[in-house]
Amino acid sequence: MSSIVKKLSVGIALFAMTSSLSLAQDREIDGTNCTNPAVPSISGDAGQDLETLLDAQDAVQAYMADSNTFVDCMNNIIDRRTGRGLGLETSNEWTAFINANIDAQESIAEAFNEQVQIYQASEN
């Protein structure tokens, strides 16, 4: 197994432990200082070209880090404001943002892993 494939395999394991693809903009959630990161798109042909696959890996790693920071930020805001007048509607809305980020992490990891498998199959 080549060193690049080994690195990609390690990347797959890291994505698994950290846990609608679109090109949405990063945006701050009203009432918080938390920025909801944009989900990168993974090209359906990323597995055909090593350079494109590595670019996708960089984008996914950056998203995972930003998404984890966002989830931690939102959890901290909810924890601090619970008991100090955080309304149920706002709490539910913010929790939905957290859940959407976790779902997006799983989706982006799955899309990337599919492209890694395509690349690995082309190397055999």
C-alpha atoms as a PDB file:
ATOM      1  CA  MET A   1       0.000   0.000   0.000  1.00  0.00           C
ATOM      2  CA  SER A   2       1.468   3.371  -0.975  1.00  0.00           C
ATOM      3  CA  SER A   3       2.175   6.010   1.666  1.00  0.00           C
ATOM      4  CA  ILE A   4      -0.488   8.301   0.173  1.00  0.00           C
ATOM      5  CA  VAL A   5      -3.123   5.594   0.439  1.00  0.00           C
ATOM      6  CA  LYS A   6      -2.011   4.953   4.039  1.00  0.00           C
ATOM      7  CA  LYS A   7      -2.366   8.679   4.792  1.00  0.00           C
ATOM      8  CA  LEU A   8      -5.824   8.689   3.233  1.00  0.00           C
ATOM      9  CA  SER A   9      -6.757   5.612   5.279  1.00  0.00           C
ATOM     10  CA  VAL A  10      -5.642   7.411   8.450  1.00  0.00           C
ATOM     11  CA  GLY A  11      -7.762  10.361   7.339  1.00  0.00           C
ATOM     12  CA  ILE A  12     -10.780   8.088   7.025  1.00  0.00           C
ATOM     13  CA  ALA A  13     -10.271   6.850  10.580  1.00  0.00           C
ATOM     14  CA  LEU A  14      -9.964  10.418  11.882  1.00  0.00           C
ATOM     15  CA  PHE A  15     -13.212  11.412  10.181  1.00  0.00           C
ATOM     16  CA  ALA A  16     -14.977   8.435  11.733  1.00  0.00           C
ATOM     17  CA  MET A  17     -13.769   9.457  15.190  1.00  0.00           C
ATOM     18  CA  THR A  18     -14.914  13.097  14.856  1.00  0.00           C
ATOM     19  CA  SER A  19     -18.318  12.231  14.437  1.00  0.00           C
ATOM     20  CA  SER A  20     -27.242  17.939   1.626  1.00  0.00           C
ATOM     21  CA  LEU A  21     -23.661  18.912   0.681  1.00  0.00           C
ATOM     22  CA  SER A  22     -23.762  22.537  -0.468  1.00  0.00           C
ATOM     23  CA  LEU A  23     -21.701  25.656  -1.025  1.00  0.00           C
ATOM     24  CA  ALA A  24     -23.423  27.770   1.653  1.00  0.00           C
ATOM     25  CA  GLN A  25     -21.592  30.706   3.176  1.00  0.00           C
ATOM     26  CA  ASP A  26     -20.203  30.683   6.709  1.00  0.00           C
ATOM     27  CA  ARG A  27     -22.596  32.646   8.891  1.00  0.00           C
ATOM     28  CA  GLU A  28     -22.921  33.713  12.488  1.00  0.00           C
ATOM     29  CA  ILE A  29     -25.989  32.463  14.311  1.00  0.00           C
ATOM     30  CA  ASP A  30     -28.162  35.320  15.621  1.00  0.00           C
ATOM     31  CA  GLY A  31     -27.792  35.793  19.375  1.00  0.00           C
ATOM     32  CA  THR A  32     -24.457  33.968  19.546  1.00  0.00           C
ATOM     33  CA  ASN A  33     -20.835  34.527  18.598  1.00  0.00           C
ATOM     34  CA  CYS A  34     -20.763  31.132  16.862  1.00  0.00           C
ATOM     35  CA  THR A  35     -20.073  30.897  13.134  1.00  0.00           C
ATOM     36  CA  ASN A  36     -21.806  28.049  11.332  1.00  0.00           C
ATOM     37  CA  PRO A  37     -19.269  26.798   8.753  1.00  0.00           C
ATOM     38  CA  ALA A  38     -20.097  26.215   5.112  1.00  0.00           C
ATOM     39  CA  VAL A  39     -20.071  22.566   4.077  1.00  0.00           C
ATOM     40  CA  PRO A  40     -17.590  21.914   1.257  1.00  0.00           C
ATOM     41  CA  SER A  41     -18.695  19.982  -1.775  1.00  0.00           C
ATOM     42  CA  ILE A  42     -16.839  16.837  -2.787  1.00  0.00           C
ATOM     43  CA  SER A  43     -16.477  16.428  -6.527  1.00  0.00           C
ATOM     44  CA  GLY A  44     -17.919  13.188  -7.831  1.00  0.00           C
ATOM     45  CA  ASP A  45     -14.665  12.647  -9.706  1.00  0.00           C
ATOM     46  CA  ALA A  46     -12.282  13.474  -6.839  1.00  0.00           C
ATOM     47  CA  GLY A  47     -11.298   9.799  -6.681  1.00  0.00           C
ATOM     48  CA  GLN A  48     -10.055   9.885 -10.258  1.00  0.00           C
ATOM     49  CA  ASP A  49      -7.204  12.316  -9.585  1.00  0.00           C
ATOM     50  CA  LEU A  50      -4.861  12.257  -6.593  1.00  0.00           C
ATOM     51  CA  GLU A  51      -4.402  16.032  -6.480  1.00  0.00           C
ATOM     52  CA  THR A  52      -8.165  16.623  -6.469  1.00  0.00           C
ATOM     53  CA  LEU A  53      -8.574  13.968  -3.787  1.00  0.00           C
ATOM     54  CA  LEU A  54      -5.923  15.611  -1.605  1.00  0.00           C
ATOM     55  CA  ASP A  55      -7.600  19.007  -2.076  1.00  0.00           C
ATOM     56  CA  ALA A  56     -10.888  17.432  -1.003  1.00  0.00           C
ATOM     57  CA  GLN A  57      -9.158  15.946   2.036  1.00  0.00           C
ATOM     58  CA  ASP A  58      -7.863  19.393   3.030  1.00  0.00           C
ATOM     59  CA  ALA A  59     -11.346  20.892   2.643  1.00  0.00           C
ATOM     60  CA  VAL A  60     -12.956  18.126   4.683  1.00  0.00           C
ATOM     61  CA  GLN A  61     -10.377  18.379   7.474  1.00  0.00           C
ATOM     62  CA  ALA A  62     -10.855  22.158   7.674  1.00  0.00           C
ATOM     63  CA  TYR A  63     -14.631  21.736   7.735  1.00  0.00           C
ATOM     64  CA  MET A  64     -14.464  19.109  10.481  1.00  0.00           C
ATOM     65  CA  ALA A  65     -12.338  21.398  12.650  1.00  0.00           C
ATOM     66  CA  ASP A  66     -14.608  24.410  12.032  1.00  0.00           C
ATOM     67  CA  SER A  67     -17.738  22.342  12.586  1.00  0.00           C
ATOM     68  CA  ASN A  68     -16.443  20.921  15.878  1.00  0.00           C
ATOM     69  CA  THR A  69     -15.589  24.470  17.017  1.00  0.00           C
ATOM     70  CA  PHE A  70     -19.118  25.569  16.079  1.00  0.00           C
ATOM     71  CA  VAL A  71     -20.762  22.678  17.946  1.00  0.00           C
ATOM     72  CA  ASP A  72     -18.651  23.388  21.059  1.00  0.00           C
ATOM     73  CA  CYS A  73     -19.488  27.103  20.840  1.00  0.00           C
ATOM     74  CA  MET A  74     -23.222  26.455  20.526  1.00  0.00           C
ATOM     75  CA  ASN A  75     -23.197  23.930  23.382  1.00  0.00           C
ATOM     76  CA  ASN A  76     -21.403  26.456  25.605  1.00  0.00           C
ATOM     77  CA  ILE A  77     -23.910  29.203  24.740  1.00  0.00           C
ATOM     78  CA  ILE A  78     -26.860  26.900  25.424  1.00  0.00           C
ATOM     79  CA  ASP A  79     -25.338  25.738  28.731  1.00  0.00           C
ATOM     80  CA  ARG A  80     -24.643  29.319  29.857  1.00  0.00           C
ATOM     81  CA  ARG A  81     -28.089  30.599  28.912  1.00  0.00           C
ATOM     82  CA  THR A  82     -30.130  27.664  30.192  1.00  0.00           C
ATOM     83  CA  GLY A  83     -31.773  28.792  33.405  1.00  0.00           C
ATOM     84  CA  ARG A  84     -31.258  32.452  32.458  1.00  0.00           C
ATOM     85  CA  GLY A  85     -34.236  32.821  30.201  1.00  0.00           C
ATOM     86  CA  LEU A  86     -33.262  30.824  27.127  1.00  0.00           C
ATOM     87  CA  GLY A  87     -36.585  30.165  25.458  1.00  0.00           C
ATOM     88  CA  LEU A  88     -37.554  26.669  24.358  1.00  0.00           C
ATOM     89  CA  GLU A  89     -37.964  27.804  20.743  1.00  0.00           C
ATOM     90  CA  THR A  90     -34.461  29.309  20.639  1.00  0.00           C
ATOM     91  CA  SER A  91     -32.980  26.290  22.402  1.00  0.00           C
ATOM     92  CA  ASN A  92     -34.630  23.962  19.888  1.00  0.00           C
ATOM     93  CA  GLU A  93     -33.448  26.098  16.953  1.00  0.00           C
ATOM     94  CA  TRP A  94     -29.859  26.161  18.209  1.00  0.00           C
ATOM     95  CA  THR A  95     -29.916  22.427  18.929  1.00  0.00           C
ATOM     96  CA  ALA A  96     -31.131  21.878  15.357  1.00  0.00           C
ATOM     97  CA  PHE A  97     -28.035  23.763  14.106  1.00  0.00           C
ATOM     98  CA  ILE A  98     -25.838  21.437  16.174  1.00  0.00           C
ATOM     99  CA  ASN A  99     -27.608  18.347  14.864  1.00  0.00           C
ATOM    100  CA  ALA A 100     -27.373  19.609  11.272  1.00  0.00           C
ATOM    101  CA  ASN A 101     -23.605  20.055  11.691  1.00  0.00           C
ATOM    102  CA  ILE A 102     -23.195  16.539  13.007  1.00  0.00           C
ATOM    103  CA  ASP A 103     -25.281  15.200  10.110  1.00  0.00           C
ATOM    104  CA  ALA A 104     -23.182  17.222   7.658  1.00  0.00           C
ATOM    105  CA  GLN A 105     -19.960  15.850   9.185  1.00  0.00           C
ATOM    106  CA  GLU A 106     -21.219  12.322   8.625  1.00  0.00           C
ATOM    107  CA  SER A 107     -22.344  13.108   5.057  1.00  0.00           C
ATOM    108  CA  ILE A 108     -19.122  14.823   4.039  1.00  0.00           C
ATOM    109  CA  ALA A 109     -17.021  12.036   5.550  1.00  0.00           C
ATOM    110  CA  GLU A 110     -19.093   9.454   3.664  1.00  0.00           C
ATOM    111  CA  ALA A 111     -18.755  11.362   0.375  1.00  0.00           C
ATOM    112  CA  PHE A 112     -15.008  11.699   0.847  1.00  0.00           C
ATOM    113  CA  ASN A 113     -14.583   8.062   1.841  1.00  0.00           C
ATOM    114  CA  GLU A 114     -16.412   6.984  -1.326  1.00  0.00           C
ATOM    115  CA  GLN A 115     -13.918   8.981  -3.389  1.00  0.00           C
ATOM    116  CA  VAL A 116     -10.987   7.413  -1.494  1.00  0.00           C
ATOM    117  CA  GLN A 117     -12.393   3.969  -2.304  1.00  0.00           C
ATOM    118  CA  ILE A 118     -12.672   4.920  -5.973  1.00  0.00           C
ATOM    119  CA  TYR A 119      -9.074   6.094  -5.964  1.00  0.00           C
ATOM    120  CA  GLN A 120      -7.862   2.967  -4.153  1.00  0.00           C
ATOM    121  CA  ALA A 121      -9.709   0.728  -6.626  1.00  0.00           C
ATOM    122  CA  SER A 122      -8.069   2.562  -9.533  1.00  0.00           C
ATOM    123  CA  GLU A 123      -4.629   1.935  -8.003  1.00  0.00           C
ATOM    124  CA  ASN A 124      -5.118  -1.849  -8.002  1.00  0.00           C
END
